[in-house]
């Protein structure tokens, strides 16, 4: 089922091979309670996923820039700061789960 707020699939996905060479890596939904995230660790090396996430941030920065909200550089800086804050939140949640 496709949700009315879903993003369209890229043409390459629509016409690509069905042999597993094209994989969806993540699906993220923004909700009032926070993001709903489903991921597939498709790369053997986590560093490769880090490179994909860097490209994702670059694309988000470009989208903000195209909307005229800020420059690409300002958006990248804000995304980097959000990364640091998100990591700190995750670390705090993990400590709480571990009873520390």
PDB file of N, CA and C in Angstrom:
ATOM      1  N   UNK A   1       0.839  -1.186   0.000  1.00  0.00           N
ATOM      2  CA  UNK A   1       0.000   0.000   0.000  1.00  0.00           C
ATOM      3  C   UNK A   1       0.883   1.248   0.000  1.00  0.00           C
ATOM      4  N   UNK A   2       0.566   2.186  -0.834  1.00  0.00           N
ATOM      5  CA  UNK A   2       1.310   3.440  -0.901  1.00  0.00           C
ATOM      6  C   UNK A   2       0.555   4.501  -0.117  1.00  0.00           C
ATOM      7  N   UNK A   3       1.249   5.171   0.755  1.00  0.00           N
ATOM      8  CA  UNK A   3       0.679   6.255   1.549  1.00  0.00           C
ATOM      9  C   UNK A   3       0.655   7.522   0.702  1.00  0.00           C
ATOM     10  N   UNK A   4      -0.349   8.359   0.905  1.00  0.00           N
ATOM     11  CA  UNK A   4      -0.464   9.549   0.061  1.00  0.00           C
ATOM     12  C   UNK A   4       0.697  10.522   0.242  1.00  0.00           C
ATOM     13  N   UNK A   5       1.454  10.407   1.320  1.00  0.00           N
ATOM     14  CA  UNK A   5       2.609  11.278   1.525  1.00  0.00           C
ATOM     15  C   UNK A   5       3.929  10.590   1.197  1.00  0.00           C
ATOM     16  N   UNK A   6       3.879   9.416   0.611  1.00  0.00           N
ATOM     17  CA  UNK A   6       5.102   8.707   0.212  1.00  0.00           C
ATOM     18  C   UNK A   6       5.800   9.448  -0.911  1.00  0.00           C
ATOM     19  N   UNK A   7       7.109   9.352  -0.917  1.00  0.00           N
ATOM     20  CA  UNK A   7       7.881   9.867  -2.045  1.00  0.00           C
ATOM     21  C   UNK A   7       7.773   8.886  -3.203  1.00  0.00           C
ATOM     22  N   UNK A   8       7.851   9.392  -4.414  1.00  0.00           N
ATOM     23  CA  UNK A   8       7.822   8.474  -5.560  1.00  0.00           C
ATOM     24  C   UNK A   8       9.134   7.704  -5.658  1.00  0.00           C
ATOM     25  N   UNK A   9       9.061   6.532  -6.237  1.00  0.00           N
ATOM     26  CA  UNK A   9      10.282   5.768  -6.476  1.00  0.00           C
ATOM     27  C   UNK A   9      11.028   6.369  -7.656  1.00  0.00           C
ATOM     28  N   UNK A  10      12.340   6.306  -7.595  1.00  0.00           N
ATOM     29  CA  UNK A  10      13.170   6.767  -8.713  1.00  0.00           C
ATOM     30  C   UNK A  10      12.935   5.872  -9.918  1.00  0.00           C
ATOM     31  N   UNK A  11      13.080   6.445 -11.102  1.00  0.00           N
ATOM     32  CA  UNK A  11      12.893   5.676 -12.333  1.00  0.00           C
ATOM     33  C   UNK A  11      13.781   4.438 -12.370  1.00  0.00           C
ATOM     34  N   UNK A  12      15.012   4.569 -11.882  1.00  0.00           N
ATOM     35  CA  UNK A  12      15.943   3.437 -11.906  1.00  0.00           C
ATOM     36  C   UNK A  12      15.425   2.275 -11.065  1.00  0.00           C
ATOM     37  N   UNK A  13      14.669   2.571 -10.016  1.00  0.00           N
ATOM     38  CA  UNK A  13      14.092   1.507  -9.198  1.00  0.00           C
ATOM     39  C   UNK A  13      12.939   0.848  -9.943  1.00  0.00           C
ATOM     40  N   UNK A  14      12.145   1.663 -10.594  1.00  0.00           N
ATOM     41  CA  UNK A  14      10.991   1.149 -11.335  1.00  0.00           C
ATOM     42  C   UNK A  14      11.417   0.209 -12.455  1.00  0.00           C
ATOM     43  N   UNK A  15      12.517   0.530 -13.113  1.00  0.00           N
ATOM     44  CA  UNK A  15      12.944  -0.236 -14.280  1.00  0.00           C
ATOM     45  C   UNK A  15      14.142  -1.135 -13.999  1.00  0.00           C
ATOM     46  N   UNK A  16      14.642  -1.126 -12.773  1.00  0.00           N
ATOM     47  CA  UNK A  16      15.862  -1.870 -12.441  1.00  0.00           C
ATOM     48  C   UNK A  16      15.652  -3.364 -12.357  1.00  0.00           C
ATOM     49  N   UNK A  17      16.768  -4.027 -12.311  1.00  0.00           N
ATOM     50  CA  UNK A  17      16.766  -5.490 -12.210  1.00  0.00           C
ATOM     51  C   UNK A  17      16.155  -5.909 -10.878  1.00  0.00           C
ATOM     52  N   UNK A  18      15.538  -7.051 -10.874  1.00  0.00           N
ATOM     53  CA  UNK A  18      14.954  -7.586  -9.646  1.00  0.00           C
ATOM     54  C   UNK A  18      15.808  -8.717  -9.080  1.00  0.00           C
ATOM     55  N   UNK A  19      17.122  -8.586  -9.251  1.00  0.00           N
ATOM     56  CA  UNK A  19      18.045  -9.621  -8.817  1.00  0.00           C
ATOM     57  C   UNK A  19      18.725  -9.284  -7.488  1.00  0.00           C
ATOM     58  N   UNK A  20      18.247  -8.245  -6.802  1.00  0.00           N
ATOM     59  CA  UNK A  20      18.844  -7.843  -5.537  1.00  0.00           C
ATOM     60  C   UNK A  20      19.954  -6.828  -5.688  1.00  0.00           C
ATOM     61  N   UNK A  21      20.224  -6.379  -6.905  1.00  0.00           N
ATOM     62  CA  UNK A  21      21.285  -5.388  -7.103  1.00  0.00           C
ATOM     63  C   UNK A  21      20.800  -3.976  -6.767  1.00  0.00           C
ATOM     64  N   UNK A  22      19.489  -3.798  -6.634  1.00  0.00           N
ATOM     65  CA  UNK A  22      18.924  -2.516  -6.190  1.00  0.00           C
ATOM     66  C   UNK A  22      18.122  -2.813  -4.934  1.00  0.00           C
ATOM     67  N   UNK A  23      18.517  -2.191  -3.812  1.00  0.00           N
ATOM     68  CA  UNK A  23      17.864  -2.433  -2.531  1.00  0.00           C
ATOM     69  C   UNK A  23      17.437  -1.121  -1.891  1.00  0.00           C
ATOM     70  N   UNK A  24      16.293  -1.123  -1.262  1.00  0.00           N
ATOM     71  CA  UNK A  24      15.894   0.010  -0.432  1.00  0.00           C
ATOM     72  C   UNK A  24      16.654  -0.128   0.884  1.00  0.00           C
ATOM     73  N   UNK A  25      17.363   0.925   1.285  1.00  0.00           N
ATOM     74  CA  UNK A  25      18.192   0.864   2.483  1.00  0.00           C
ATOM     75  C   UNK A  25      17.478   1.363   3.727  1.00  0.00           C
ATOM     76  N   UNK A  26      16.582   2.337   3.560  1.00  0.00           N
ATOM     77  CA  UNK A  26      15.911   2.910   4.724  1.00  0.00           C
ATOM     78  C   UNK A  26      14.572   3.502   4.314  1.00  0.00           C
ATOM     79  N   UNK A  27      13.682   3.537   5.271  1.00  0.00           N
ATOM     80  CA  UNK A  27      12.407   4.214   5.115  1.00  0.00           C
ATOM     81  C   UNK A  27      12.210   5.011   6.403  1.00  0.00           C
ATOM     82  N   UNK A  28      11.957   6.307   6.268  1.00  0.00           N
ATOM     83  CA  UNK A  28      11.853   7.186   7.428  1.00  0.00           C
ATOM     84  C   UNK A  28      10.571   7.995   7.316  1.00  0.00           C
ATOM     85  N   UNK A  29       9.775   7.976   8.371  1.00  0.00           N
ATOM     86  CA  UNK A  29       8.542   8.750   8.423  1.00  0.00           C
ATOM     87  C   UNK A  29       8.634   9.723   9.592  1.00  0.00           C
ATOM     88  N   UNK A  30       8.301  10.979   9.355  1.00  0.00           N
ATOM     89  CA  UNK A  30       8.252  11.985  10.420  1.00  0.00           C
ATOM     90  C   UNK A  30       6.883  11.901  11.087  1.00  0.00           C
ATOM     91  N   UNK A  31       6.869  11.768  12.415  1.00  0.00           N
ATOM     92  CA  UNK A  31       5.625  11.739  13.178  1.00  0.00           C
ATOM     93  C   UNK A  31       5.715  12.750  14.309  1.00  0.00           C
ATOM     94  N   UNK A  32       4.600  13.130  14.913  1.00  0.00           N
ATOM     95  CA  UNK A  32       4.660  14.060  16.049  1.00  0.00           C
ATOM     96  C   UNK A  32       5.498  13.527  17.213  1.00  0.00           C
ATOM     97  N   UNK A  33       5.594  12.191  17.347  1.00  0.00           N
ATOM     98  CA  UNK A  33       6.365  11.591  18.447  1.00  0.00           C
ATOM     99  C   UNK A  33       7.838  11.412  18.111  1.00  0.00           C
ATOM    100  N   UNK A  34       8.215  11.630  16.878  1.00  0.00           N
ATOM    101  CA  UNK A  34       9.590  11.432  16.440  1.00  0.00           C
ATOM    102  C   UNK A  34       9.604  10.553  15.202  1.00  0.00           C
ATOM    103  N   UNK A  35      10.777  10.340  14.634  1.00  0.00           N
ATOM    104  CA  UNK A  35      10.840   9.572  13.389  1.00  0.00           C
ATOM    105  C   UNK A  35      10.562   8.083  13.603  1.00  0.00           C
ATOM    106  N   UNK A  36       9.883   7.507  12.628  1.00  0.00           N
ATOM    107  CA  UNK A  36       9.740   6.050  12.538  1.00  0.00           C
ATOM    108  C   UNK A  36      10.748   5.612  11.489  1.00  0.00           C
ATOM    109  N   UNK A  37      11.631   4.699  11.848  1.00  0.00           N
ATOM    110  CA  UNK A  37      12.738   4.350  10.963  1.00  0.00           C
ATOM    111  C   UNK A  37      12.821   2.838  10.808  1.00  0.00           C
ATOM    112  N   UNK A  38      12.911   2.413   9.555  1.00  0.00           N
ATOM    113  CA  UNK A  38      13.179   1.012   9.228  1.00  0.00           C
ATOM    114  C   UNK A  38      14.447   1.003   8.384  1.00  0.00           C
ATOM    115  N   UNK A  39      15.387   0.135   8.721  1.00  0.00           N
ATOM    116  CA  UNK A  39      16.645   0.091   7.978  1.00  0.00           C
ATOM    117  C   UNK A  39      16.988  -1.336   7.571  1.00  0.00           C
ATOM    118  N   UNK A  40      17.796  -1.420   6.523  1.00  0.00           N
ATOM    119  CA  UNK A  40      18.343  -2.696   6.070  1.00  0.00           C
ATOM    120  C   UNK A  40      19.864  -2.524   5.999  1.00  0.00           C
ATOM    121  N   UNK A  41      20.614  -3.222   6.844  1.00  0.00           N
ATOM    122  CA  UNK A  41      22.076  -3.125   6.785  1.00  0.00           C
ATOM    123  C   UNK A  41      22.612  -3.915   5.586  1.00  0.00           C
ATOM    124  N   UNK A  42      22.512  -3.311   4.423  1.00  0.00           N
ATOM    125  CA  UNK A  42      22.823  -4.011   3.171  1.00  0.00           C
ATOM    126  C   UNK A  42      24.315  -4.089   2.863  1.00  0.00           C
ATOM    127  N   UNK A  43      25.116  -3.258   3.490  1.00  0.00           N
ATOM    128  CA  UNK A  43      26.554  -3.269   3.226  1.00  0.00           C
ATOM    129  C   UNK A  43      27.268  -4.090   4.285  1.00  0.00           C
ATOM    130  N   UNK A  44      28.252  -4.867   3.875  1.00  0.00           N
ATOM    131  CA  UNK A  44      29.041  -5.630   4.839  1.00  0.00           C
ATOM    132  C   UNK A  44      29.872  -4.711   5.718  1.00  0.00           C
ATOM    133  N   UNK A  45      30.279  -3.584   5.180  1.00  0.00           N
ATOM    134  CA  UNK A  45      31.137  -2.631   5.883  1.00  0.00           C
ATOM    135  C   UNK A  45      30.310  -1.406   6.285  1.00  0.00           C
ATOM    136  N   UNK A  46      30.120  -1.148   7.593  1.00  0.00           N
ATOM    137  CA  UNK A  46      29.345   0.005   8.036  1.00  0.00           C
ATOM    138  C   UNK A  46      29.870   1.339   7.499  1.00  0.00           C
ATOM    139  N   UNK A  47      31.165   1.404   7.235  1.00  0.00           N
ATOM    140  CA  UNK A  47      31.736   2.640   6.695  1.00  0.00           C
ATOM    141  C   UNK A  47      31.055   3.036   5.381  1.00  0.00           C
ATOM    142  N   UNK A  48      30.697   2.056   4.557  1.00  0.00           N
ATOM    143  CA  UNK A  48      30.006   2.337   3.301  1.00  0.00           C
ATOM    144  C   UNK A  48      28.650   2.988   3.570  1.00  0.00           C
ATOM    145  N   UNK A  49      27.957   2.544   4.621  1.00  0.00           N
ATOM    146  CA  UNK A  49      26.675   3.163   4.966  1.00  0.00           C
ATOM    147  C   UNK A  49      26.897   4.594   5.436  1.00  0.00           C
ATOM    148  N   UNK A  50      27.997   4.842   6.129  1.00  0.00           N
ATOM    149  CA  UNK A  50      28.336   6.204   6.530  1.00  0.00           C
ATOM    150  C   UNK A  50      28.503   7.111   5.319  1.00  0.00           C
ATOM    151  N   UNK A  51      29.108   6.587   4.271  1.00  0.00           N
ATOM    152  CA  UNK A  51      29.266   7.369   3.044  1.00  0.00           C
ATOM    153  C   UNK A  51      27.919   7.656   2.406  1.00  0.00           C
ATOM    154  N   UNK A  52      27.013   6.684   2.449  1.00  0.00           N
ATOM    155  CA  UNK A  52      25.664   6.897   1.921  1.00  0.00           C
ATOM    156  C   UNK A  52      24.955   7.978   2.747  1.00  0.00           C
ATOM    157  N   UNK A  53      25.104   7.922   4.067  1.00  0.00           N
ATOM    158  CA  UNK A  53      24.456   8.927   4.917  1.00  0.00           C
ATOM    159  C   UNK A  53      25.021  10.321   4.657  1.00  0.00           C
ATOM    160  N   UNK A  54      26.316  10.413   4.366  1.00  0.00           N
ATOM    161  CA  UNK A  54      26.904  11.703   4.017  1.00  0.00           C
ATOM    162  C   UNK A  54      26.291  12.238   2.725  1.00  0.00           C
ATOM    163  N   UNK A  55      26.107  11.358   1.738  1.00  0.00           N
ATOM    164  CA  UNK A  55      25.467  11.777   0.489  1.00  0.00           C
ATOM    165  C   UNK A  55      24.016  12.181   0.733  1.00  0.00           C
ATOM    166  N   UNK A  56      23.340  11.477   1.622  1.00  0.00           N
ATOM    167  CA  UNK A  56      21.964  11.823   1.980  1.00  0.00           C
ATOM    168  C   UNK A  56      21.915  13.221   2.581  1.00  0.00           C
ATOM    169  N   UNK A  57      22.830  13.521   3.501  1.00  0.00           N
ATOM    170  CA  UNK A  57      22.876  14.858   4.109  1.00  0.00           C
ATOM    171  C   UNK A  57      23.177  15.923   3.060  1.00  0.00           C
ATOM    172  N   UNK A  58      24.067  15.615   2.135  1.00  0.00           N
ATOM    173  CA  UNK A  58      24.368  16.573   1.069  1.00  0.00           C
ATOM    174  C   UNK A  58      23.100  16.876   0.280  1.00  0.00           C
ATOM    175  N   UNK A  59      22.308  15.839  -0.010  1.00  0.00           N
ATOM    176  CA  UNK A  59      21.073  16.032  -0.759  1.00  0.00           C
ATOM    177  C   UNK A  59      20.030  16.809   0.046  1.00  0.00           C
ATOM    178  N   UNK A  60      19.942  16.549   1.340  1.00  0.00           N
ATOM    179  CA  UNK A  60      19.044  17.346   2.187  1.00  0.00           C
ATOM    180  C   UNK A  60      19.479  18.805   2.198  1.00  0.00           C
ATOM    181  N   UNK A  61      20.770  19.054   2.323  1.00  0.00           N
ATOM    182  CA  UNK A  61      21.278  20.427   2.310  1.00  0.00           C
ATOM    183  C   UNK A  61      20.933  21.116   0.995  1.00  0.00           C
ATOM    184  N   UNK A  62      21.069  20.393  -0.090  1.00  0.00           N
ATOM    185  CA  UNK A  62      20.728  20.947  -1.401  1.00  0.00           C
ATOM    186  C   UNK A  62      19.238  21.278  -1.478  1.00  0.00           C
ATOM    187  N   UNK A  63      18.396  20.413  -0.929  1.00  0.00           N
ATOM    188  CA  UNK A  63      16.950  20.658  -0.935  1.00  0.00           C
ATOM    189  C   UNK A  63      16.606  21.909  -0.129  1.00  0.00           C
ATOM    190  N   UNK A  64      17.203  22.068   1.050  1.00  0.00           N
ATOM    191  CA  UNK A  64      16.963  23.280   1.837  1.00  0.00           C
ATOM    192  C   UNK A  64      17.440  24.515   1.079  1.00  0.00           C
ATOM    193  N   UNK A  65      18.585  24.403   0.442  1.00  0.00           N
ATOM    194  CA  UNK A  65      19.128  25.509  -0.334  1.00  0.00           C
ATOM    195  C   UNK A  65      18.192  25.885  -1.476  1.00  0.00           C
ATOM    196  N   UNK A  66      17.667  24.908  -2.170  1.00  0.00           N
ATOM    197  CA  UNK A  66      16.765  25.169  -3.291  1.00  0.00           C
ATOM    198  C   UNK A  66      15.454  25.797  -2.841  1.00  0.00           C
ATOM    199  N   UNK A  67      15.040  25.513  -1.598  1.00  0.00           N
ATOM    200  CA  UNK A  67      13.836  26.141  -1.061  1.00  0.00           C
ATOM    201  C   UNK A  67      14.084  27.589  -0.665  1.00  0.00           C
ATOM    202  N   UNK A  68      15.349  27.998  -0.639  1.00  0.00           N
ATOM    203  CA  UNK A  68      15.689  29.366  -0.272  1.00  0.00           C
ATOM    204  C   UNK A  68      15.708  29.620   1.226  1.00  0.00           C
ATOM    205  N   UNK A  69      15.659  28.559   2.020  1.00  0.00           N
ATOM    206  CA  UNK A  69      15.649  28.713   3.469  1.00  0.00           C
ATOM    207  C   UNK A  69      17.022  29.063   4.023  1.00  0.00           C
ATOM    208  N   UNK A  70      18.061  28.595   3.351  1.00  0.00           N
ATOM    209  CA  UNK A  70      19.438  28.832   3.784  1.00  0.00           C
ATOM    210  C   UNK A  70      20.359  28.370   2.678  1.00  0.00           C
ATOM    211  N   UNK A  71      21.627  28.696   2.826  1.00  0.00           N
ATOM    212  CA  UNK A  71      22.600  28.241   1.832  1.00  0.00           C
ATOM    213  C   UNK A  71      22.899  26.761   2.061  1.00  0.00           C
ATOM    214  N   UNK A  72      23.503  26.166   1.065  1.00  0.00           N
ATOM    215  CA  UNK A  72      23.909  24.765   1.171  1.00  0.00           C
ATOM    216  C   UNK A  72      24.850  24.579   2.361  1.00  0.00           C
ATOM    217  N   UNK A  73      25.814  25.476   2.504  1.00  0.00           N
ATOM    218  CA  UNK A  73      26.788  25.375   3.600  1.00  0.00           C
ATOM    219  C   UNK A  73      26.106  25.516   4.958  1.00  0.00           C
ATOM    220  N   UNK A  74      25.153  26.439   5.065  1.00  0.00           N
ATOM    221  CA  UNK A  74      24.428  26.610   6.339  1.00  0.00           C
ATOM    222  C   UNK A  74      23.619  25.366   6.671  1.00  0.00           C
ATOM    223  N   UNK A  75      22.993  24.796   5.655  1.00  0.00           N
ATOM    224  CA  UNK A  75      22.211  23.585   5.882  1.00  0.00           C
ATOM    225  C   UNK A  75      23.109  22.427   6.300  1.00  0.00           C
ATOM    226  N   UNK A  76      24.262  22.281   5.658  1.00  0.00           N
ATOM    227  CA  UNK A  76      25.189  21.209   6.050  1.00  0.00           C
ATOM    228  C   UNK A  76      25.656  21.391   7.488  1.00  0.00           C
ATOM    229  N   UNK A  77      25.940  22.627   7.874  1.00  0.00           N
ATOM    230  CA  UNK A  77      26.360  22.893   9.254  1.00  0.00           C
ATOM    231  C   UNK A  77      25.246  22.521  10.240  1.00  0.00           C
ATOM    232  N   UNK A  78      24.009  22.851   9.902  1.00  0.00           N
ATOM    233  CA  UNK A  78      22.881  22.514  10.771  1.00  0.00           C
ATOM    234  C   UNK A  78      22.689  20.993  10.838  1.00  0.00           C
ATOM    235  N   UNK A  79      22.850  20.321   9.715  1.00  0.00           N
ATOM    236  CA  UNK A  79      22.743  18.865   9.705  1.00  0.00           C
ATOM    237  C   UNK A  79      23.838  18.222  10.552  1.00  0.00           C
ATOM    238  N   UNK A  80      25.046  18.754  10.471  1.00  0.00           N
ATOM    239  CA  UNK A  80      26.145  18.231  11.302  1.00  0.00           C
ATOM    240  C   UNK A  80      25.827  18.416  12.785  1.00  0.00           C
ATOM    241  N   UNK A  81      25.301  19.586  13.146  1.00  0.00           N
ATOM    242  CA  UNK A  81      24.949  19.845  14.545  1.00  0.00           C
ATOM    243  C   UNK A  81      23.834  18.903  14.991  1.00  0.00           C
ATOM    244  N   UNK A  82      22.864  18.678  14.118  1.00  0.00           N
ATOM    245  CA  UNK A  82      21.792  17.736  14.436  1.00  0.00           C
ATOM    246  C   UNK A  82      22.326  16.328  14.644  1.00  0.00           C
ATOM    247  N   UNK A  83      23.326  15.952  13.845  1.00  0.00           N
ATOM    248  CA  UNK A  83      23.962  14.641  14.000  1.00  0.00           C
ATOM    249  C   UNK A  83      24.571  14.513  15.399  1.00  0.00           C
ATOM    250  N   UNK A  84      25.320  15.540  15.811  1.00  0.00           N
ATOM    251  CA  UNK A  84      25.957  15.520  17.136  1.00  0.00           C
ATOM    252  C   UNK A  84      24.896  15.405  18.225  1.00  0.00           C
ATOM    253  N   UNK A  85      23.832  16.193  18.109  1.00  0.00           N
ATOM    254  CA  UNK A  85      22.765  16.148  19.106  1.00  0.00           C
ATOM    255  C   UNK A  85      22.049  14.800  19.097  1.00  0.00           C
ATOM    256  N   UNK A  86      21.801  14.260  17.920  1.00  0.00           N
ATOM    257  CA  UNK A  86      21.155  12.955  17.818  1.00  0.00           C
ATOM    258  C   UNK A  86      22.005  11.847  18.419  1.00  0.00           C
ATOM    259  N   UNK A  87      23.302  11.898  18.181  1.00  0.00           N
ATOM    260  CA  UNK A  87      24.212  10.913  18.770  1.00  0.00           C
ATOM    261  C   UNK A  87      24.188  11.011  20.291  1.00  0.00           C
ATOM    262  N   UNK A  88      24.196  12.225  20.820  1.00  0.00           N
ATOM    263  CA  UNK A  88      24.149  12.410  22.277  1.00  0.00           C
ATOM    264  C   UNK A  88      22.839  11.868  22.845  1.00  0.00           C
ATOM    265  N   UNK A  89      21.729  12.101  22.153  1.00  0.00           N
ATOM    266  CA  UNK A  89      20.441  11.573  22.608  1.00  0.00           C
ATOM    267  C   UNK A  89      20.453  10.046  22.600  1.00  0.00           C
ATOM    268  N   UNK A  90      21.010   9.461  21.549  1.00  0.00           N
ATOM    269  CA  UNK A  90      21.102   8.009  21.466  1.00  0.00           C
ATOM    270  C   UNK A  90      21.982   7.423  22.558  1.00  0.00           C
ATOM    271  N   UNK A  91      23.108   8.073  22.821  1.00  0.00           N
ATOM    272  CA  UNK A  91      24.004   7.615  23.888  1.00  0.00           C
ATOM    273  C   UNK A  91      23.300   7.664  25.244  1.00  0.00           C
ATOM    274  N   UNK A  92      22.566   8.752  25.507  1.00  0.00           N
ATOM    275  CA  UNK A  92      21.850   8.893  26.775  1.00  0.00           C
ATOM    276  C   UNK A  92      20.763   7.823  26.905  1.00  0.00           C
ATOM    277  N   UNK A  93      20.043   7.555  25.819  1.00  0.00           N
ATOM    278  CA  UNK A  93      19.003   6.527  25.855  1.00  0.00           C
ATOM    279  C   UNK A  93      19.607   5.149  26.098  1.00  0.00           C
ATOM    280  N   UNK A  94      20.756   4.873  25.492  1.00  0.00           N
ATOM    281  CA  UNK A  94      21.407   3.574  25.692  1.00  0.00           C
ATOM    282  C   UNK A  94      21.847   3.419  27.144  1.00  0.00           C
ATOM    283  N   UNK A  95      22.402   4.465  27.725  1.00  0.00           N
ATOM    284  CA  UNK A  95      22.801   4.395  29.137  1.00  0.00           C
ATOM    285  C   UNK A  95      21.592   4.154  30.040  1.00  0.00           C
ATOM    286  N   UNK A  96      20.483   4.801  29.731  1.00  0.00           N
ATOM    287  CA  UNK A  96      19.264   4.625  30.519  1.00  0.00           C
ATOM    288  C   UNK A  96      18.773   3.180  30.406  1.00  0.00           C
ATOM    289  N   UNK A  97      18.807   2.613  29.205  1.00  0.00           N
ATOM    290  CA  UNK A  97      18.392   1.220  29.012  1.00  0.00           C
ATOM    291  C   UNK A  97      19.289   0.261  29.777  1.00  0.00           C
ATOM    292  N   UNK A  98      20.575   0.610  29.875  1.00  0.00           N
ATOM    293  CA  UNK A  98      21.534  -0.238  30.582  1.00  0.00           C
ATOM    294  C   UNK A  98      21.555   0.016  32.083  1.00  0.00           C
ATOM    295  N   UNK A  99      20.706   0.929  32.554  1.00  0.00           N
ATOM    296  CA  UNK A  99      20.627   1.218  33.994  1.00  0.00           C
ATOM    297  C   UNK A  99      21.825   1.981  34.530  1.00  0.00           C
ATOM    298  N   UNK A 100      22.458   2.778  33.698  1.00  0.00           N
ATOM    299  CA  UNK A 100      23.640   3.524  34.145  1.00  0.00           C
ATOM    300  C   UNK A 100      23.262   4.925  34.545  1.00  0.00           C
TER     301      UNK A 100
END
